[in-house]
Amino acid sequence: MYRHIVLFKFRDDIDSLNREKAFLSFKEEIEALPAIIPTIKEIEVGKNKNESEVWDICLNSLFESLEDIKAYGLHPAHQEIAAKLKPLLTSRSCVDYKSWID
């Protein structure tokens, strides 16, 4: 199994109300994707509660292979959700690793 972890940072000019709206919408839509993309084994979106850290949102997901992660990234449903969040961001970081626990 492979973990796909993505961190997102909002632009500084996005106020807290719009950050919260964007987060809630992104969380709801992304967490609904396993019904559309069956290769997603787990997916969870959380908001960073540690204000001393840089990142605002974390996406944590589980797939059987790197190929499944790539297919998820290219899936039109994922692309549509990502396109809504992208204009609000200043940074994104990603790590895909083989999980020995799952």
PDB file of N, CA and C in Angstrom:
ATOM      1  N   MET A   1       0.845  -1.178   0.000  1.00  0.00           N
ATOM      2  CA  MET A   1       0.000   0.000   0.000  1.00  0.00           C
ATOM      3  C   MET A   1       0.891   1.242   0.000  1.00  0.00           C
ATOM      4  N   TYR A   2       0.352   2.300  -0.579  1.00  0.00           N
ATOM      5  CA  TYR A   2       1.085   3.570  -0.676  1.00  0.00           C
ATOM      6  C   TYR A   2       0.270   4.700  -0.066  1.00  0.00           C
ATOM      7  N   ARG A   3       0.936   5.497   0.737  1.00  0.00           N
ATOM      8  CA  ARG A   3       0.342   6.708   1.295  1.00  0.00           C
ATOM      9  C   ARG A   3       0.624   7.861   0.345  1.00  0.00           C
ATOM     10  N   HIS A   4      -0.383   8.658   0.125  1.00  0.00           N
ATOM     11  CA  HIS A   4      -0.294   9.863  -0.708  1.00  0.00           C
ATOM     12  C   HIS A   4      -0.675  11.016   0.219  1.00  0.00           C
ATOM     13  N   ILE A   5       0.314  11.816   0.595  1.00  0.00           N
ATOM     14  CA  ILE A   5       0.112  12.928   1.521  1.00  0.00           C
ATOM     15  C   ILE A   5       0.331  14.232   0.755  1.00  0.00           C
ATOM     16  N   VAL A   6      -0.642  15.123   0.818  1.00  0.00           N
ATOM     17  CA  VAL A   6      -0.524  16.416   0.136  1.00  0.00           C
ATOM     18  C   VAL A   6      -0.816  17.521   1.143  1.00  0.00           C
ATOM     19  N   LEU A   7       0.044  18.537   1.160  1.00  0.00           N
ATOM     20  CA  LEU A   7      -0.117  19.695   2.035  1.00  0.00           C
ATOM     21  C   LEU A   7      -0.393  20.924   1.188  1.00  0.00           C
ATOM     22  N   PHE A   8      -1.292  21.769   1.670  1.00  0.00           N
ATOM     23  CA  PHE A   8      -1.699  22.966   0.937  1.00  0.00           C
ATOM     24  C   PHE A   8      -1.553  24.197   1.821  1.00  0.00           C
ATOM     25  N   LYS A   9      -1.145  25.299   1.203  1.00  0.00           N
ATOM     26  CA  LYS A   9      -1.007  26.594   1.897  1.00  0.00           C
ATOM     27  C   LYS A   9      -1.846  27.618   1.152  1.00  0.00           C
ATOM     28  N   PHE A  10      -2.791  28.255   1.884  1.00  0.00           N
ATOM     29  CA  PHE A  10      -3.598  29.310   1.284  1.00  0.00           C
ATOM     30  C   PHE A  10      -2.757  30.560   1.021  1.00  0.00           C
ATOM     31  N   ARG A  11      -3.159  31.305   0.014  1.00  0.00           N
ATOM     32  CA  ARG A  11      -2.563  32.630  -0.230  1.00  0.00           C
ATOM     33  C   ARG A  11      -2.851  33.509   0.980  1.00  0.00           C
ATOM     34  N   ASP A  12      -1.950  34.434   1.265  1.00  0.00           N
ATOM     35  CA  ASP A  12      -2.105  35.331   2.410  1.00  0.00           C
ATOM     36  C   ASP A  12      -3.321  36.244   2.280  1.00  0.00           C
ATOM     37  N   ASP A  13      -3.741  36.547   1.064  1.00  0.00           N
ATOM     38  CA  ASP A  13      -4.870  37.466   0.883  1.00  0.00           C
ATOM     39  C   ASP A  13      -6.236  36.782   0.982  1.00  0.00           C
ATOM     40  N   ILE A  14      -6.271  35.492   1.277  1.00  0.00           N
ATOM     41  CA  ILE A  14      -7.540  34.783   1.465  1.00  0.00           C
ATOM     42  C   ILE A  14      -7.917  34.912   2.946  1.00  0.00           C
ATOM     43  N   ASP A  15      -9.058  35.555   3.220  1.00  0.00           N
ATOM     44  CA  ASP A  15      -9.449  35.779   4.615  1.00  0.00           C
ATOM     45  C   ASP A  15      -9.929  34.482   5.264  1.00  0.00           C
ATOM     46  N   SER A  16     -10.065  34.508   6.588  1.00  0.00           N
ATOM     47  CA  SER A  16     -10.383  33.291   7.342  1.00  0.00           C
ATOM     48  C   SER A  16     -11.746  32.699   6.966  1.00  0.00           C
ATOM     49  N   LEU A  17     -12.720  33.532   6.677  1.00  0.00           N
ATOM     50  CA  LEU A  17     -14.036  33.028   6.288  1.00  0.00           C
ATOM     51  C   LEU A  17     -13.951  32.252   4.969  1.00  0.00           C
ATOM     52  N   ASN A  18     -13.265  32.820   3.989  1.00  0.00           N
ATOM     53  CA  ASN A  18     -13.125  32.142   2.696  1.00  0.00           C
ATOM     54  C   ASN A  18     -12.224  30.914   2.795  1.00  0.00           C
ATOM     55  N   ARG A  19     -11.237  30.935   3.687  1.00  0.00           N
ATOM     56  CA  ARG A  19     -10.412  29.740   3.922  1.00  0.00           C
ATOM     57  C   ARG A  19     -11.278  28.609   4.464  1.00  0.00           C
ATOM     58  N   GLU A  20     -12.131  28.950   5.417  1.00  0.00           N
ATOM     59  CA  GLU A  20     -12.990  27.930   6.032  1.00  0.00           C
ATOM     60  C   GLU A  20     -13.971  27.365   5.007  1.00  0.00           C
ATOM     61  N   LYS A  21     -14.581  28.229   4.211  1.00  0.00           N
ATOM     62  CA  LYS A  21     -15.506  27.769   3.169  1.00  0.00           C
ATOM     63  C   LYS A  21     -14.798  26.860   2.169  1.00  0.00           C
ATOM     64  N   ALA A  22     -13.614  27.270   1.746  1.00  0.00           N
ATOM     65  CA  ALA A  22     -12.854  26.482   0.773  1.00  0.00           C
ATOM     66  C   ALA A  22     -12.446  25.140   1.369  1.00  0.00           C
ATOM     67  N   PHE A  23     -11.995  25.160   2.618  1.00  0.00           N
ATOM     68  CA  PHE A  23     -11.605  23.920   3.284  1.00  0.00           C
ATOM     69  C   PHE A  23     -12.784  22.952   3.367  1.00  0.00           C
ATOM     70  N   LEU A  24     -13.919  23.424   3.844  1.00  0.00           N
ATOM     71  CA  LEU A  24     -15.082  22.555   4.018  1.00  0.00           C
ATOM     72  C   LEU A  24     -15.570  21.981   2.689  1.00  0.00           C
ATOM     73  N   SER A  25     -15.582  22.805   1.655  1.00  0.00           N
ATOM     74  CA  SER A  25     -15.991  22.340   0.332  1.00  0.00           C
ATOM     75  C   SER A  25     -15.013  21.291  -0.197  1.00  0.00           C
ATOM     76  N   PHE A  26     -13.710  21.580  -0.093  1.00  0.00           N
ATOM     77  CA  PHE A  26     -12.675  20.658  -0.557  1.00  0.00           C
ATOM     78  C   PHE A  26     -12.779  19.330   0.189  1.00  0.00           C
ATOM     79  N   LYS A  27     -12.904  19.391   1.517  1.00  0.00           N
ATOM     80  CA  LYS A  27     -13.007  18.187   2.341  1.00  0.00           C
ATOM     81  C   LYS A  27     -14.206  17.341   1.919  1.00  0.00           C
ATOM     82  N   GLU A  28     -15.363  17.961   1.797  1.00  0.00           N
ATOM     83  CA  GLU A  28     -16.575  17.232   1.427  1.00  0.00           C
ATOM     84  C   GLU A  28     -16.437  16.563   0.059  1.00  0.00           C
ATOM     85  N   GLU A  29     -15.930  17.304  -0.909  1.00  0.00           N
ATOM     86  CA  GLU A  29     -15.830  16.778  -2.269  1.00  0.00           C
ATOM     87  C   GLU A  29     -14.765  15.690  -2.391  1.00  0.00           C
ATOM     88  N   ILE A  30     -13.599  15.908  -1.795  1.00  0.00           N
ATOM     89  CA  ILE A  30     -12.514  14.924  -1.880  1.00  0.00           C
ATOM     90  C   ILE A  30     -12.898  13.639  -1.151  1.00  0.00           C
ATOM     91  N   GLU A  31     -13.487  13.777   0.032  1.00  0.00           N
ATOM     92  CA  GLU A  31     -13.833  12.583   0.802  1.00  0.00           C
ATOM     93  C   GLU A  31     -14.985  11.789   0.188  1.00  0.00           C
ATOM     94  N   ALA A  32     -15.658  12.357  -0.790  1.00  0.00           N
ATOM     95  CA  ALA A  32     -16.704  11.638  -1.524  1.00  0.00           C
ATOM     96  C   ALA A  32     -16.144  10.855  -2.719  1.00  0.00           C
ATOM     97  N   LEU A  33     -14.890  11.075  -3.053  1.00  0.00           N
ATOM     98  CA  LEU A  33     -14.315  10.460  -4.250  1.00  0.00           C
ATOM     99  C   LEU A  33     -14.221   8.934  -4.242  1.00  0.00           C
ATOM    100  N   PRO A  34     -14.067   8.255  -3.112  1.00  0.00           N
ATOM    101  CA  PRO A  34     -14.011   6.790  -3.191  1.00  0.00           C
ATOM    102  C   PRO A  34     -15.240   6.157  -3.840  1.00  0.00           C
ATOM    103  N   ALA A  35     -16.379   6.815  -3.801  1.00  0.00           N
ATOM    104  CA  ALA A  35     -17.575   6.307  -4.474  1.00  0.00           C
ATOM    105  C   ALA A  35     -17.456   6.426  -5.987  1.00  0.00           C
ATOM    106  N   ILE A  36     -16.565   7.308  -6.445  1.00  0.00           N
ATOM    107  CA  ILE A  36     -16.373   7.549  -7.881  1.00  0.00           C
ATOM    108  C   ILE A  36     -15.092   6.886  -8.386  1.00  0.00           C
ATOM    109  N   ILE A  37     -14.052   6.893  -7.541  1.00  0.00           N
ATOM    110  CA  ILE A  37     -12.741   6.340  -7.901  1.00  0.00           C
ATOM    111  C   ILE A  37     -12.451   5.183  -6.941  1.00  0.00           C
ATOM    112  N   PRO A  38     -12.784   3.961  -7.317  1.00  0.00           N
ATOM    113  CA  PRO A  38     -12.683   2.836  -6.386  1.00  0.00           C
ATOM    114  C   PRO A  38     -11.256   2.455  -5.969  1.00  0.00           C
ATOM    115  N   THR A  39     -10.239   2.955  -6.656  1.00  0.00           N
ATOM    116  CA  THR A  39      -8.863   2.626  -6.267  1.00  0.00           C
ATOM    117  C   THR A  39      -8.418   3.379  -5.012  1.00  0.00           C
ATOM    118  N   ILE A  40      -9.217   4.354  -4.562  1.00  0.00           N
ATOM    119  CA  ILE A  40      -8.921   5.054  -3.307  1.00  0.00           C
ATOM    120  C   ILE A  40      -9.349   4.120  -2.172  1.00  0.00           C
ATOM    121  N   LYS A  41      -8.385   3.691  -1.369  1.00  0.00           N
ATOM    122  CA  LYS A  41      -8.684   2.795  -0.247  1.00  0.00           C
ATOM    123  C   LYS A  41      -9.111   3.587   0.988  1.00  0.00           C
ATOM    124  N   GLU A  42      -8.487   4.730   1.206  1.00  0.00           N
ATOM    125  CA  GLU A  42      -8.829   5.641   2.307  1.00  0.00           C
ATOM    126  C   GLU A  42      -8.524   7.045   1.840  1.00  0.00           C
ATOM    127  N   ILE A  43      -9.275   8.009   2.341  1.00  0.00           N
ATOM    128  CA  ILE A  43      -8.950   9.407   2.058  1.00  0.00           C
ATOM    129  C   ILE A  43      -9.530  10.272   3.172  1.00  0.00           C
ATOM    130  N   GLU A  44      -8.729  11.210   3.620  1.00  0.00           N
ATOM    131  CA  GLU A  44      -9.122  12.092   4.713  1.00  0.00           C
ATOM    132  C   GLU A  44      -8.479  13.457   4.488  1.00  0.00           C
ATOM    133  N   VAL A  45      -9.242  14.498   4.774  1.00  0.00           N
ATOM    134  CA  VAL A  45      -8.734  15.865   4.677  1.00  0.00           C
ATOM    135  C   VAL A  45      -8.881  16.509   6.046  1.00  0.00           C
ATOM    136  N   GLY A  46      -7.804  17.147   6.502  1.00  0.00           N
ATOM    137  CA  GLY A  46      -7.841  17.817   7.794  1.00  0.00           C
ATOM    138  C   GLY A  46      -7.272  19.217   7.709  1.00  0.00           C
ATOM    139  N   LYS A  47      -7.714  20.049   8.654  1.00  0.00           N
ATOM    140  CA  LYS A  47      -7.223  21.430   8.735  1.00  0.00           C
ATOM    141  C   LYS A  47      -6.168  21.495   9.835  1.00  0.00           C
ATOM    142  N   ASN A  48      -5.045  22.138   9.538  1.00  0.00           N
ATOM    143  CA  ASN A  48      -3.968  22.275  10.512  1.00  0.00           C
ATOM    144  C   ASN A  48      -4.421  23.134  11.687  1.00  0.00           C
ATOM    145  N   LYS A  49      -4.266  22.623  12.891  1.00  0.00           N
ATOM    146  CA  LYS A  49      -4.635  23.356  14.107  1.00  0.00           C
ATOM    147  C   LYS A  49      -3.428  24.016  14.769  1.00  0.00           C
ATOM    148  N   ASN A  50      -2.234  23.737  14.265  1.00  0.00           N
ATOM    149  CA  ASN A  50      -1.005  24.292  14.824  1.00  0.00           C
ATOM    150  C   ASN A  50      -0.633  25.567  14.061  1.00  0.00           C
ATOM    151  N   GLU A  51      -0.964  26.708  14.625  1.00  0.00           N
ATOM    152  CA  GLU A  51      -0.754  27.993  13.939  1.00  0.00           C
ATOM    153  C   GLU A  51       0.710  28.346  13.729  1.00  0.00           C
ATOM    154  N   SER A  52       1.625  27.666  14.409  1.00  0.00           N
ATOM    155  CA  SER A  52       3.049  27.949  14.217  1.00  0.00           C
ATOM    156  C   SER A  52       3.620  27.233  12.988  1.00  0.00           C
ATOM    157  N   GLU A  53       2.806  26.396  12.354  1.00  0.00           N
ATOM    158  CA  GLU A  53       3.246  25.684  11.155  1.00  0.00           C
ATOM    159  C   GLU A  53       2.778  26.392   9.890  1.00  0.00           C
ATOM    160  N   VAL A  54       3.391  26.049   8.773  1.00  0.00           N
ATOM    161  CA  VAL A  54       3.170  26.730   7.499  1.00  0.00           C
ATOM    162  C   VAL A  54       1.915  26.261   6.771  1.00  0.00           C
ATOM    163  N   TRP A  55       1.628  24.965   6.795  1.00  0.00           N
ATOM    164  CA  TRP A  55       0.594  24.378   5.953  1.00  0.00           C
ATOM    165  C   TRP A  55      -0.786  24.523   6.571  1.00  0.00           C
ATOM    166  N   ASP A  56      -1.797  24.717   5.721  1.00  0.00           N
ATOM    167  CA  ASP A  56      -3.176  24.911   6.171  1.00  0.00           C
ATOM    168  C   ASP A  56      -4.022  23.647   6.105  1.00  0.00           C
ATOM    169  N   ILE A  57      -3.833  22.843   5.076  1.00  0.00           N
ATOM    170  CA  ILE A  57      -4.654  21.659   4.835  1.00  0.00           C
ATOM    171  C   ILE A  57      -3.743  20.464   4.567  1.00  0.00           C
ATOM    172  N   CYS A  58      -4.175  19.301   5.061  1.00  0.00           N
ATOM    173  CA  CYS A  58      -3.480  18.046   4.768  1.00  0.00           C
ATOM    174  C   CYS A  58      -4.471  17.058   4.171  1.00  0.00           C
ATOM    175  N   LEU A  59      -4.088  16.445   3.065  1.00  0.00           N
ATOM    176  CA  LEU A  59      -4.837  15.347   2.473  1.00  0.00           C
ATOM    177  C   LEU A  59      -4.015  14.085   2.711  1.00  0.00           C
ATOM    178  N   ASN A  60      -4.621  13.076   3.307  1.00  0.00           N
ATOM    179  CA  ASN A  60      -3.946  11.817   3.609  1.00  0.00           C
ATOM    180  C   ASN A  60      -4.759  10.708   2.966  1.00  0.00           C
ATOM    181  N   SER A  61      -4.152   9.969   2.049  1.00  0.00           N
ATOM    182  CA  SER A  61      -4.908   8.929   1.345  1.00  0.00           C
ATOM    183  C   SER A  61      -4.069   7.674   1.170  1.00  0.00           C
ATOM    184  N   LEU A  62      -4.746   6.588   0.858  1.00  0.00           N
ATOM    185  CA  LEU A  62      -4.114   5.280   0.744  1.00  0.00           C
ATOM    186  C   LEU A  62      -4.531   4.611  -0.561  1.00  0.00           C
ATOM    187  N   PHE A  63      -3.531   4.073  -1.258  1.00  0.00           N
ATOM    188  CA  PHE A  63      -3.738   3.394  -2.544  1.00  0.00           C
ATOM    189  C   PHE A  63      -2.912   2.117  -2.573  1.00  0.00           C
ATOM    190  N   GLU A  64      -3.272   1.199  -3.447  1.00  0.00           N
ATOM    191  CA  GLU A  64      -2.507  -0.047  -3.574  1.00  0.00           C
ATOM    192  C   GLU A  64      -1.199   0.142  -4.335  1.00  0.00           C
ATOM    193  N   SER A  65      -1.128   1.127  -5.231  1.00  0.00           N
ATOM    194  CA  SER A  65       0.075   1.282  -6.058  1.00  0.00           C
ATOM    195  C   SER A  65       0.285   2.743  -6.443  1.00  0.00           C
ATOM    196  N   LEU A  66       1.491   3.030  -6.899  1.00  0.00           N
ATOM    197  CA  LEU A  66       1.781   4.371  -7.421  1.00  0.00           C
ATOM    198  C   LEU A  66       0.969   4.640  -8.680  1.00  0.00           C
ATOM    199  N   GLU A  67       0.703   3.590  -9.453  1.00  0.00           N
ATOM    200  CA  GLU A  67      -0.117   3.741 -10.658  1.00  0.00           C
ATOM    201  C   GLU A  67      -1.533   4.182 -10.287  1.00  0.00           C
ATOM    202  N   ASP A  68      -2.058   3.652  -9.188  1.00  0.00           N
ATOM    203  CA  ASP A  68      -3.391   4.062  -8.729  1.00  0.00           C
ATOM    204  C   ASP A  68      -3.398   5.530  -8.304  1.00  0.00           C
ATOM    205  N   ILE A  69      -2.309   5.980  -7.688  1.00  0.00           N
ATOM    206  CA  ILE A  69      -2.198   7.393  -7.300  1.00  0.00           C
ATOM    207  C   ILE A  69      -2.197   8.271  -8.545  1.00  0.00           C
ATOM    208  N   LYS A  70      -1.438   7.870  -9.547  1.00  0.00           N
ATOM    209  CA  LYS A  70      -1.380   8.641 -10.795  1.00  0.00           C
ATOM    210  C   LYS A  70      -2.752   8.687 -11.475  1.00  0.00           C
ATOM    211  N   ALA A  71      -3.440   7.552 -11.501  1.00  0.00           N
ATOM    212  CA  ALA A  71      -4.768   7.505 -12.124  1.00  0.00           C
ATOM    213  C   ALA A  71      -5.749   8.405 -11.365  1.00  0.00           C
ATOM    214  N   TYR A  72      -5.676   8.401 -10.055  1.00  0.00           N
ATOM    215  CA  TYR A  72      -6.498   9.296  -9.220  1.00  0.00           C
ATOM    216  C   TYR A  72      -6.233  10.752  -9.570  1.00  0.00           C
ATOM    217  N   GLY A  73      -4.960  11.105  -9.685  1.00  0.00           N
ATOM    218  CA  GLY A  73      -4.589  12.485 -10.006  1.00  0.00           C
ATOM    219  C   GLY A  73      -5.104  12.945 -11.360  1.00  0.00           C
ATOM    220  N   LEU A  74      -5.219  12.028 -12.288  1.00  0.00           N
ATOM    221  CA  LEU A  74      -5.687  12.359 -13.641  1.00  0.00           C
ATOM    222  C   LEU A  74      -7.196  12.211 -13.818  1.00  0.00           C
ATOM    223  N   HIS A  75      -7.856  11.642 -12.845  1.00  0.00           N
ATOM    224  CA  HIS A  75      -9.298  11.405 -12.960  1.00  0.00           C
ATOM    225  C   HIS A  75     -10.039  12.743 -13.055  1.00  0.00           C
ATOM    226  N   PRO A  76     -11.003  12.869 -13.973  1.00  0.00           N
ATOM    227  CA  PRO A  76     -11.733  14.137 -14.146  1.00  0.00           C
ATOM    228  C   PRO A  76     -12.409  14.649 -12.872  1.00  0.00           C
ATOM    229  N   ALA A  77     -12.921  13.757 -12.035  1.00  0.00           N
ATOM    230  CA  ALA A  77     -13.577  14.199 -10.793  1.00  0.00           C
ATOM    231  C   ALA A  77     -12.561  14.847  -9.856  1.00  0.00           C
ATOM    232  N   HIS A  78     -11.374  14.261  -9.776  1.00  0.00           N
ATOM    233  CA  HIS A  78     -10.307  14.847  -8.955  1.00  0.00           C
ATOM    234  C   HIS A  78      -9.847  16.171  -9.557  1.00  0.00           C
ATOM    235  N   GLN A  79      -9.667  16.193 -10.848  1.00  0.00           N
ATOM    236  CA  GLN A  79      -9.209  17.408 -11.539  1.00  0.00           C
ATOM    237  C   GLN A  79     -10.177  18.574 -11.310  1.00  0.00           C
ATOM    238  N   GLU A  80     -11.458  18.294 -11.318  1.00  0.00           N
ATOM    239  CA  GLU A  80     -12.470  19.334 -11.110  1.00  0.00           C
ATOM    240  C   GLU A  80     -12.363  19.930  -9.702  1.00  0.00           C
ATOM    241  N   ILE A  81     -12.193  19.082  -8.715  1.00  0.00           N
ATOM    242  CA  ILE A  81     -12.061  19.551  -7.328  1.00  0.00           C
ATOM    243  C   ILE A  81     -10.771  20.341  -7.154  1.00  0.00           C
ATOM    244  N   ALA A  82      -9.677  19.821  -7.682  1.00  0.00           N
ATOM    245  CA  ALA A  82      -8.381  20.490  -7.561  1.00  0.00           C
ATOM    246  C   ALA A  82      -8.404  21.865  -8.222  1.00  0.00           C
ATOM    247  N   ALA A  83      -9.111  21.982  -9.334  1.00  0.00           N
ATOM    248  CA  ALA A  83      -9.180  23.260 -10.057  1.00  0.00           C
ATOM    249  C   ALA A  83      -9.871  24.342  -9.228  1.00  0.00           C
ATOM    250  N   LYS A  84     -10.782  23.955  -8.359  1.00  0.00           N
ATOM    251  CA  LYS A  84     -11.468  24.927  -7.498  1.00  0.00           C
ATOM    252  C   LYS A  84     -10.546  25.455  -6.400  1.00  0.00           C
ATOM    253  N   LEU A  85      -9.704  24.572  -5.857  1.00  0.00           N
ATOM    254  CA  LEU A  85      -8.829  24.960  -4.748  1.00  0.00           C
ATOM    255  C   LEU A  85      -7.572  25.684  -5.227  1.00  0.00           C
ATOM    256  N   LYS A  86      -7.039  25.284  -6.348  1.00  0.00           N
ATOM    257  CA  LYS A  86      -5.743  25.777  -6.826  1.00  0.00           C
ATOM    258  C   LYS A  86      -5.609  27.304  -6.852  1.00  0.00           C
ATOM    259  N   PRO A  87      -6.607  28.065  -7.317  1.00  0.00           N
ATOM    260  CA  PRO A  87      -6.434  29.525  -7.356  1.00  0.00           C
ATOM    261  C   PRO A  87      -6.300  30.179  -5.975  1.00  0.00           C
ATOM    262  N   LEU A  88      -6.672  29.457  -4.927  1.00  0.00           N
ATOM    263  CA  LEU A  88      -6.619  29.995  -3.572  1.00  0.00           C
ATOM    264  C   LEU A  88      -5.294  29.698  -2.872  1.00  0.00           C
ATOM    265  N   LEU A  89      -4.429  28.952  -3.542  1.00  0.00           N
ATOM    266  CA  LEU A  89      -3.206  28.456  -2.913  1.00  0.00           C
ATOM    267  C   LEU A  89      -1.961  29.213  -3.339  1.00  0.00           C
ATOM    268  N   THR A  90      -1.012  29.228  -2.426  1.00  0.00           N
ATOM    269  CA  THR A  90       0.313  29.732  -2.754  1.00  0.00           C
ATOM    270  C   THR A  90       1.321  28.593  -2.892  1.00  0.00           C
ATOM    271  N   SER A  91       1.043  27.467  -2.187  1.00  0.00           N
ATOM    272  CA  SER A  91       1.975  26.340  -2.204  1.00  0.00           C
ATOM    273  C   SER A  91       1.247  25.017  -2.051  1.00  0.00           C
ATOM    274  N   ARG A  92       1.900  23.997  -2.573  1.00  0.00           N
ATOM    275  CA  ARG A  92       1.432  22.616  -2.444  1.00  0.00           C
ATOM    276  C   ARG A  92       2.670  21.738  -2.357  1.00  0.00           C
ATOM    277  N   SER A  93       2.617  20.733  -1.495  1.00  0.00           N
ATOM    278  CA  SER A  93       3.720  19.794  -1.367  1.00  0.00           C
ATOM    279  C   SER A  93       3.149  18.394  -1.280  1.00  0.00           C
ATOM    280  N   CYS A  94       3.865  17.412  -1.806  1.00  0.00           N
ATOM    281  CA  CYS A  94       3.333  16.054  -1.872  1.00  0.00           C
ATOM    282  C   CYS A  94       4.433  15.038  -1.567  1.00  0.00           C
ATOM    283  N   VAL A  95       4.037  13.963  -0.872  1.00  0.00           N
ATOM    284  CA  VAL A  95       4.906  12.817  -0.633  1.00  0.00           C
ATOM    285  C   VAL A  95       4.085  11.562  -0.882  1.00  0.00           C
ATOM    286  N   ASP A  96       4.649  10.646  -1.653  1.00  0.00           N
ATOM    287  CA  ASP A  96       4.051   9.323  -1.866  1.00  0.00           C
ATOM    288  C   ASP A  96       5.065   8.306  -1.350  1.00  0.00           C
ATOM    289  N   TYR A  97       4.644   7.461  -0.412  1.00  0.00           N
ATOM    290  CA  TYR A  97       5.595   6.487   0.130  1.00  0.00           C
ATOM    291  C   TYR A  97       4.947   5.136   0.357  1.00  0.00           C
ATOM    292  N   LYS A  98       5.784   4.095   0.310  1.00  0.00           N
ATOM    293  CA  LYS A  98       5.304   2.743   0.573  1.00  0.00           C
ATOM    294  C   LYS A  98       5.081   2.610   2.066  1.00  0.00           C
ATOM    295  N   SER A  99       3.867   2.244   2.430  1.00  0.00           N
ATOM    296  CA  SER A  99       3.502   2.094   3.836  1.00  0.00           C
ATOM    297  C   SER A  99       3.653   0.634   4.228  1.00  0.00           C
ATOM    298  N   TRP A 100       4.421   0.379   5.226  1.00  0.00           N
ATOM    299  CA  TRP A 100       4.645  -0.990   5.692  1.00  0.00           C
ATOM    300  C   TRP A 100       3.635  -1.374   6.763  1.00  0.00           C
ATOM    301  N   ILE A 101       2.874  -0.424   7.237  1.00  0.00           N
ATOM    302  CA  ILE A 101       1.909  -0.664   8.308  1.00  0.00           C
ATOM    303  C   ILE A 101       0.564  -1.093   7.740  1.00  0.00           C
ATOM    304  N   ASP A 102       0.138  -0.458   6.654  1.00  0.00           N
ATOM    305  CA  ASP A 102      -1.216  -0.678   6.125  1.00  0.00           C
ATOM    306  C   ASP A 102      -1.356  -1.981   5.395  1.00  0.00           C
TER     307      ASP A 102
END
